[in-house]
């Protein structure tokens, strides 16, 4: 909505946090590494307008953001360690699933698709 697009950065970050906690994805790719260590925060929406607005908000907040459209959805991606660290510090998501992946990655430097953290410093497979 316009009131989010025209709101303060604090409100925009709160909106993104809620959206990420419910519909966002944090994953780690191998890319040139042998382990899953390259972070990606992703959003997918059937609404092209929402995808464009989300891209604009991320850009305004200083994130390096990628977007593309496939046959059915608009996709938004924040890739890399710098984006992930900035996102976790500024947006402050609260979903335990995402926080466990992030915590595992911070401790071990990678995060396999099924890795989680039961307690700080204790690796466990989900």
C-alpha atoms as a PDB file:
ATOM      1  CA  UNK A   1       0.000   0.000   0.000  1.00  0.00           C
ATOM      2  CA  UNK A   2       1.003   3.623  -0.498  1.00  0.00           C
ATOM      3  CA  UNK A   3       1.212   4.255   3.245  1.00  0.00           C
ATOM      4  CA  UNK A   4       4.028   1.670   3.449  1.00  0.00           C
ATOM      5  CA  UNK A   5       5.819   3.022   0.385  1.00  0.00           C
ATOM      6  CA  UNK A   6       5.648   6.569   1.794  1.00  0.00           C
ATOM      7  CA  UNK A   7       6.439   5.597   5.403  1.00  0.00           C
ATOM      8  CA  UNK A   8       9.665   6.016   7.342  1.00  0.00           C
ATOM      9  CA  UNK A   9      12.489   3.539   6.804  1.00  0.00           C
ATOM     10  CA  UNK A  10      11.671   2.020  10.202  1.00  0.00           C
ATOM     11  CA  UNK A  11       8.139   1.167   9.038  1.00  0.00           C
ATOM     12  CA  UNK A  12       9.451  -0.169   5.714  1.00  0.00           C
ATOM     13  CA  UNK A  13      11.892  -2.443   7.559  1.00  0.00           C
ATOM     14  CA  UNK A  14       9.088  -3.665   9.844  1.00  0.00           C
ATOM     15  CA  UNK A  15       6.933  -4.448   6.796  1.00  0.00           C
ATOM     16  CA  UNK A  16       9.794  -6.376   5.177  1.00  0.00           C
ATOM     17  CA  UNK A  17      10.458  -8.277   8.418  1.00  0.00           C
ATOM     18  CA  UNK A  18       6.840  -9.421   8.607  1.00  0.00           C
ATOM     19  CA  UNK A  19       6.720 -10.323   4.944  1.00  0.00           C
ATOM     20  CA  UNK A  20      10.007 -12.249   5.174  1.00  0.00           C
ATOM     21  CA  UNK A  21       8.924 -14.084   8.339  1.00  0.00           C
ATOM     22  CA  UNK A  22       5.806 -15.385   6.589  1.00  0.00           C
ATOM     23  CA  UNK A  23       6.746 -15.688   2.898  1.00  0.00           C
ATOM     24  CA  UNK A  24      10.497 -15.136   2.559  1.00  0.00           C
ATOM     25  CA  UNK A  25      13.247 -17.676   2.061  1.00  0.00           C
ATOM     26  CA  UNK A  26      16.800 -17.829   3.396  1.00  0.00           C
ATOM     27  CA  UNK A  27      18.955 -20.357   1.636  1.00  0.00           C
ATOM     28  CA  UNK A  28      22.602 -21.029   0.952  1.00  0.00           C
ATOM     29  CA  UNK A  29      24.120 -22.087  -2.381  1.00  0.00           C
ATOM     30  CA  UNK A  30      27.294 -23.912  -3.238  1.00  0.00           C
ATOM     31  CA  UNK A  31      28.243 -21.733  -6.218  1.00  0.00           C
ATOM     32  CA  UNK A  32      32.034 -22.057  -6.507  1.00  0.00           C
ATOM     33  CA  UNK A  33      32.334 -23.592  -3.030  1.00  0.00           C
ATOM     34  CA  UNK A  34      32.056 -27.248  -2.044  1.00  0.00           C
ATOM     35  CA  UNK A  35      29.702 -26.379   0.790  1.00  0.00           C
ATOM     36  CA  UNK A  36      26.504 -24.347   1.018  1.00  0.00           C
ATOM     37  CA  UNK A  37      27.962 -21.032   2.157  1.00  0.00           C
ATOM     38  CA  UNK A  38      26.708 -18.340  -0.258  1.00  0.00           C
ATOM     39  CA  UNK A  39      23.581 -16.713   1.295  1.00  0.00           C
ATOM     40  CA  UNK A  40      20.471 -15.668  -0.585  1.00  0.00           C
ATOM     41  CA  UNK A  41      17.345 -14.019   0.781  1.00  0.00           C
ATOM     42  CA  UNK A  42      14.485 -14.517  -1.659  1.00  0.00           C
ATOM     43  CA  UNK A  43      10.896 -13.473  -2.141  1.00  0.00           C
ATOM     44  CA  UNK A  44       8.436 -14.710  -4.732  1.00  0.00           C
ATOM     45  CA  UNK A  45       5.026 -13.211  -5.433  1.00  0.00           C
ATOM     46  CA  UNK A  46       2.349 -13.638  -8.066  1.00  0.00           C
ATOM     47  CA  UNK A  47       1.839  -9.864  -7.945  1.00  0.00           C
ATOM     48  CA  UNK A  48       4.141  -8.080 -10.362  1.00  0.00           C
ATOM     49  CA  UNK A  49       3.305  -4.760  -8.657  1.00  0.00           C
ATOM     50  CA  UNK A  50       4.227  -6.092  -5.211  1.00  0.00           C
ATOM     51  CA  UNK A  51       7.506  -7.404  -6.644  1.00  0.00           C
ATOM     52  CA  UNK A  52       8.315  -4.000  -8.131  1.00  0.00           C
ATOM     53  CA  UNK A  53       7.388  -2.183  -4.917  1.00  0.00           C
ATOM     54  CA  UNK A  54       9.466  -4.573  -2.820  1.00  0.00           C
ATOM     55  CA  UNK A  55      12.428  -4.065  -5.156  1.00  0.00           C
ATOM     56  CA  UNK A  56      12.053  -0.282  -4.814  1.00  0.00           C
ATOM     57  CA  UNK A  57      11.881  -0.448  -1.007  1.00  0.00           C
ATOM     58  CA  UNK A  58      15.016  -2.604  -0.817  1.00  0.00           C
ATOM     59  CA  UNK A  59      16.838  -0.231  -3.145  1.00  0.00           C
ATOM     60  CA  UNK A  60      15.782   2.780  -1.037  1.00  0.00           C
ATOM     61  CA  UNK A  61      17.079   1.000   2.077  1.00  0.00           C
ATOM     62  CA  UNK A  62      20.478   0.507   0.442  1.00  0.00           C
ATOM     63  CA  UNK A  63      20.361  -3.184  -0.434  1.00  0.00           C
ATOM     64  CA  UNK A  64      21.839  -4.553  -3.641  1.00  0.00           C
ATOM     65  CA  UNK A  65      18.750  -6.219  -5.028  1.00  0.00           C
ATOM     66  CA  UNK A  66      18.051  -8.440  -8.035  1.00  0.00           C
ATOM     67  CA  UNK A  67      14.654  -9.019  -9.609  1.00  0.00           C
ATOM     68  CA  UNK A  68      13.283 -11.126 -12.426  1.00  0.00           C
ATOM     69  CA  UNK A  69       9.983 -12.426 -13.681  1.00  0.00           C
ATOM     70  CA  UNK A  70       9.287 -16.042 -14.551  1.00  0.00           C
ATOM     71  CA  UNK A  71       6.123 -17.453 -16.117  1.00  0.00           C
ATOM     72  CA  UNK A  72       4.011 -16.942 -12.987  1.00  0.00           C
ATOM     73  CA  UNK A  73       5.919 -14.968 -10.341  1.00  0.00           C
ATOM     74  CA  UNK A  74       8.027 -11.914  -9.643  1.00  0.00           C
ATOM     75  CA  UNK A  75      11.242 -12.846  -7.843  1.00  0.00           C
ATOM     76  CA  UNK A  76      13.374 -10.642  -5.600  1.00  0.00           C
ATOM     77  CA  UNK A  77      16.797 -11.675  -4.284  1.00  0.00           C
ATOM     78  CA  UNK A  78      19.353 -10.208  -1.898  1.00  0.00           C
ATOM     79  CA  UNK A  79      22.545 -12.193  -2.425  1.00  0.00           C
ATOM     80  CA  UNK A  80      25.815 -12.366  -0.551  1.00  0.00           C
ATOM     81  CA  UNK A  81      27.203 -12.013   2.938  1.00  0.00           C
ATOM     82  CA  UNK A  82      27.022  -8.204   3.024  1.00  0.00           C
ATOM     83  CA  UNK A  83      23.315  -8.195   2.149  1.00  0.00           C
ATOM     84  CA  UNK A  84      22.554 -10.956   4.663  1.00  0.00           C
ATOM     85  CA  UNK A  85      24.392  -9.247   7.523  1.00  0.00           C
ATOM     86  CA  UNK A  86      22.765  -5.884   6.714  1.00  0.00           C
ATOM     87  CA  UNK A  87      19.347  -7.547   6.462  1.00  0.00           C
ATOM     88  CA  UNK A  88      19.661  -9.352   9.805  1.00  0.00           C
ATOM     89  CA  UNK A  89      20.945  -6.213  11.570  1.00  0.00           C
ATOM     90  CA  UNK A  90      18.530  -3.672  10.075  1.00  0.00           C
ATOM     91  CA  UNK A  91      15.369  -5.648   9.294  1.00  0.00           C
ATOM     92  CA  UNK A  92      15.586  -8.000  12.300  1.00  0.00           C
ATOM     93  CA  UNK A  93      13.365 -10.893  11.221  1.00  0.00           C
ATOM     94  CA  UNK A  94      11.884 -13.043  13.983  1.00  0.00           C
ATOM     95  CA  UNK A  95      10.975 -16.355  12.327  1.00  0.00           C
ATOM     96  CA  UNK A  96      12.799 -19.123  14.211  1.00  0.00           C
ATOM     97  CA  UNK A  97      13.316 -21.142  11.030  1.00  0.00           C
ATOM     98  CA  UNK A  98      15.285 -18.309   9.414  1.00  0.00           C
ATOM     99  CA  UNK A  99      17.129 -17.402  12.603  1.00  0.00           C
ATOM    100  CA  UNK A 100      18.333 -20.994  13.089  1.00  0.00           C
ATOM    101  CA  UNK A 101      19.712 -21.128   9.539  1.00  0.00           C
ATOM    102  CA  UNK A 102      21.457 -17.793  10.031  1.00  0.00           C
ATOM    103  CA  UNK A 103      22.876 -18.853  13.392  1.00  0.00           C
ATOM    104  CA  UNK A 104      24.167 -22.144  11.957  1.00  0.00           C
ATOM    105  CA  UNK A 105      25.834 -20.265   9.086  1.00  0.00           C
ATOM    106  CA  UNK A 106      27.405 -17.758  11.504  1.00  0.00           C
ATOM    107  CA  UNK A 107      28.859 -20.566  13.655  1.00  0.00           C
ATOM    108  CA  UNK A 108      30.009 -22.993  10.940  1.00  0.00           C
ATOM    109  CA  UNK A 109      30.430 -20.825   7.830  1.00  0.00           C
ATOM    110  CA  UNK A 110      27.998 -22.904   5.772  1.00  0.00           C
ATOM    111  CA  UNK A 111      24.430 -24.169   6.012  1.00  0.00           C
ATOM    112  CA  UNK A 112      23.313 -27.323   4.225  1.00  0.00           C
ATOM    113  CA  UNK A 113      19.682 -27.290   3.101  1.00  0.00           C
ATOM    114  CA  UNK A 114      18.625 -29.442   6.081  1.00  0.00           C
ATOM    115  CA  UNK A 115      20.936 -28.016   8.787  1.00  0.00           C
ATOM    116  CA  UNK A 116      19.538 -26.273  11.862  1.00  0.00           C
ATOM    117  CA  UNK A 117      20.793 -25.281  15.276  1.00  0.00           C
ATOM    118  CA  UNK A 118      19.077 -26.738  18.326  1.00  0.00           C
ATOM    119  CA  UNK A 119      21.102 -24.628  20.748  1.00  0.00           C
ATOM    120  CA  UNK A 120      23.984 -22.245  20.143  1.00  0.00           C
ATOM    121  CA  UNK A 121      27.056 -24.317  19.293  1.00  0.00           C
ATOM    122  CA  UNK A 122      25.140 -27.583  18.857  1.00  0.00           C
ATOM    123  CA  UNK A 123      24.620 -28.736  15.274  1.00  0.00           C
ATOM    124  CA  UNK A 124      21.641 -30.912  14.493  1.00  0.00           C
ATOM    125  CA  UNK A 125      20.104 -32.195  11.271  1.00  0.00           C
ATOM    126  CA  UNK A 126      16.406 -31.529  10.761  1.00  0.00           C
END
